[in-house]
C-alpha atoms as a PDB file:
ATOM      1  CA  MET A   1       0.242  -0.069   0.312  1.00  0.00           C
ATOM      2  CA  GLU A   2       1.492   3.377  -1.342  1.00  0.00           C
ATOM      3  CA  ARG A   3       1.543   6.157   2.060  1.00  0.00           C
ATOM      4  CA  TYR A   4       0.999  10.059   0.423  1.00  0.00           C
ATOM      5  CA  VAL A   5       3.050  12.508   2.585  1.00  0.00           C
ATOM      6  CA  ILE A   6       1.349  16.517   2.254  1.00  0.00           C
ATOM      7  CA  VAL A   7       3.650  18.948   2.149  1.00  0.00           C
ATOM      8  CA  GLN A   8       4.245  22.404   0.942  1.00  0.00           C
ATOM      9  CA  THR A   9       7.089  24.661  -0.155  1.00  0.00           C
ATOM     10  CA  GLN A  10       6.979  28.837  -1.401  1.00  0.00           C
ATOM     11  CA  LEU A  11       6.888  29.536  -5.288  1.00  0.00           C
ATOM     12  CA  SER A  12       5.639  32.864  -6.955  1.00  0.00           C
ATOM     13  CA  ASP A  13       2.784  33.313  -8.260  1.00  0.00           C
ATOM     14  CA  GLU A  14       5.071  33.801 -11.412  1.00  0.00           C
ATOM     15  CA  THR A  15       6.793  30.649 -11.388  1.00  0.00           C
ATOM     16  CA  LEU A  16       3.095  28.806 -10.989  1.00  0.00           C
ATOM     17  CA  LYS A  17       2.429  30.459 -14.434  1.00  0.00           C
ATOM     18  CA  LYS A  18       4.921  29.365 -15.450  1.00  0.00           C
ATOM     19  CA  LEU A  19       5.134  25.858 -13.997  1.00  0.00           C
ATOM     20  CA  LYS A  20       1.555  25.559 -15.270  1.00  0.00           C
ATOM     21  CA  GLU A  21       1.951  27.105 -19.084  1.00  0.00           C
ATOM     22  CA  VAL A  22       5.233  24.980 -19.289  1.00  0.00           C
ATOM     23  CA  THR A  23       3.214  21.467 -18.408  1.00  0.00           C
ATOM     24  CA  GLY A  24      -0.130  22.091 -20.059  1.00  0.00           C
ATOM     25  CA  GLU A  25      -2.321  21.667 -17.432  1.00  0.00           C
ATOM     26  CA  ASN A  26      -4.974  24.364 -15.281  1.00  0.00           C
ATOM     27  CA  THR A  27      -4.798  23.723 -12.165  1.00  0.00           C
ATOM     28  CA  VAL A  28      -0.903  23.669 -10.306  1.00  0.00           C
ATOM     29  CA  LYS A  29      -1.494  20.510  -8.150  1.00  0.00           C
ATOM     30  CA  GLU A  30      -1.864  18.313 -11.903  1.00  0.00           C
ATOM     31  CA  ALA A  31       1.206  20.775 -12.762  1.00  0.00           C
ATOM     32  CA  LEU A  32       2.932  20.275  -9.755  1.00  0.00           C
ATOM     33  CA  SER A  33       2.610  16.303 -10.927  1.00  0.00           C
ATOM     34  CA  LYS A  34       3.158  16.299 -13.599  1.00  0.00           C
ATOM     35  CA  ALA A  35       6.387  18.763 -13.643  1.00  0.00           C
ATOM     36  CA  ILE A  36       7.584  15.926 -10.792  1.00  0.00           C
ATOM     37  CA  MET A  37       6.970  13.071 -11.809  1.00  0.00           C
ATOM     38  CA  HIS A  38       9.294  14.366 -14.871  1.00  0.00           C
ATOM     39  CA  TYR A  39      11.857  15.713 -12.957  1.00  0.00           C
ATOM     40  CA  ILE A  40      12.265  12.270 -11.348  1.00  0.00           C
ATOM     41  CA  ASN A  41      12.086   9.799 -14.941  1.00  0.00           C
ATOM     42  CA  CYS A  42      14.527  12.820 -15.880  1.00  0.00           C
ATOM     43  CA  GLU A  43      17.740  11.818 -16.572  1.00  0.00           C
ATOM     44  CA  HIS A  44      18.954  14.511 -17.339  1.00  0.00           C
ATOM     45  CA  ALA A  45      17.425  16.869 -14.781  1.00  0.00           C
ATOM     46  CA  LYS A  46      19.890  14.978 -12.137  1.00  0.00           C
ATOM     47  CA  HIS A  47      22.602  18.373 -13.318  1.00  0.00           C
ATOM     48  CA  HIS A  48      20.645  20.939 -13.708  1.00  0.00           C
ATOM     49  CA  THR A  49      21.105  22.591 -10.228  1.00  0.00           C
ATOM     50  CA  GLY A  50      18.810  25.292  -9.053  1.00  0.00           C
ATOM     51  CA  GLU A  51      18.038  27.589  -6.465  1.00  0.00           C
ATOM     52  CA  VAL A  52      15.660  26.428  -3.297  1.00  0.00           C
ATOM     53  CA  LYS A  53      15.306  28.372  -0.643  1.00  0.00           C
ATOM     54  CA  LYS A  54      16.059  26.993   2.762  1.00  0.00           C
ATOM     55  CA  THR A  55      14.150  28.011   6.355  1.00  0.00           C
ATOM     56  CA  ARG A  56      15.513  27.012   9.795  1.00  0.00           C
ATOM     57  CA  LYS A  57      13.079  26.821  12.886  1.00  0.00           C
ATOM     58  CA  ARG A  58      14.048  27.564  16.060  1.00  0.00           C
ATOM     59  CA  GLY A  59      15.592  25.807  18.177  1.00  0.00           C
ATOM     60  CA  GLY A  60      13.980  24.572  20.954  1.00  0.00           C
ATOM     61  CA  GLY A  61      11.955  27.750  19.901  1.00  0.00           C
ATOM     62  CA  ARG A  62      11.483  30.477  22.412  1.00  0.00           C
ATOM     63  CA  TYR A  63      10.100  31.148  25.796  1.00  0.00           C
ATOM     64  CA  PRO A  64       7.387  33.365  26.536  1.00  0.00           C
ATOM     65  CA  ILE A  65       7.433  36.153  28.068  1.00  0.00           C
ATOM     66  CA  TYR A  66       7.224  36.195  31.348  1.00  0.00           C
ATOM     67  CA  LEU A  67       9.525  32.836  31.014  1.00  0.00           C
ATOM     68  CA  ALA A  68      12.058  34.905  29.710  1.00  0.00           C
ATOM     69  CA  ASN A  69      11.884  37.638  31.498  1.00  0.00           C
ATOM     70  CA  LEU A  70      11.528  35.639  34.816  1.00  0.00           C
ATOM     71  CA  MET A  71      15.410  34.242  33.452  1.00  0.00           C
ATOM     72  CA  ALA A  72      16.705  37.348  32.101  1.00  0.00           C
ATOM     73  CA  ILE A  73      16.325  38.876  36.374  1.00  0.00           C
ATOM     74  CA  ALA A  74      17.908  35.572  37.322  1.00  0.00           C
ATOM     75  CA  LYS A  75      20.666  35.390  35.838  1.00  0.00           C
ATOM     76  CA  SER A  76      21.798  39.360  36.541  1.00  0.00           C
ATOM     77  CA  SER A  77      21.291  38.440  39.869  1.00  0.00           C
ATOM     78  CA  GLY A  78      23.808  34.844  39.563  1.00  0.00           C
ATOM     79  CA  LYS A  79      20.950  32.651  40.092  1.00  0.00           C
ATOM     80  CA  LEU A  80      20.969  31.048  36.511  1.00  0.00           C
END
């Protein structure tokens, strides 16, 4: 049985319009599906190096403001 995963990415409107135009599909979903299948099956695709925008998650996230204030007070008084 196949397992499906939902993925997300950020693409500009211009990129999506161009993708739909090149693939000949009417919807973004079908255009992306067709482009991905082409990329997987294309022998020349491995040589293409494009620009990929990567975002990093903050390690551990931020503390709530009240806790951040308490930690700052504790650090300044030498208790932490």
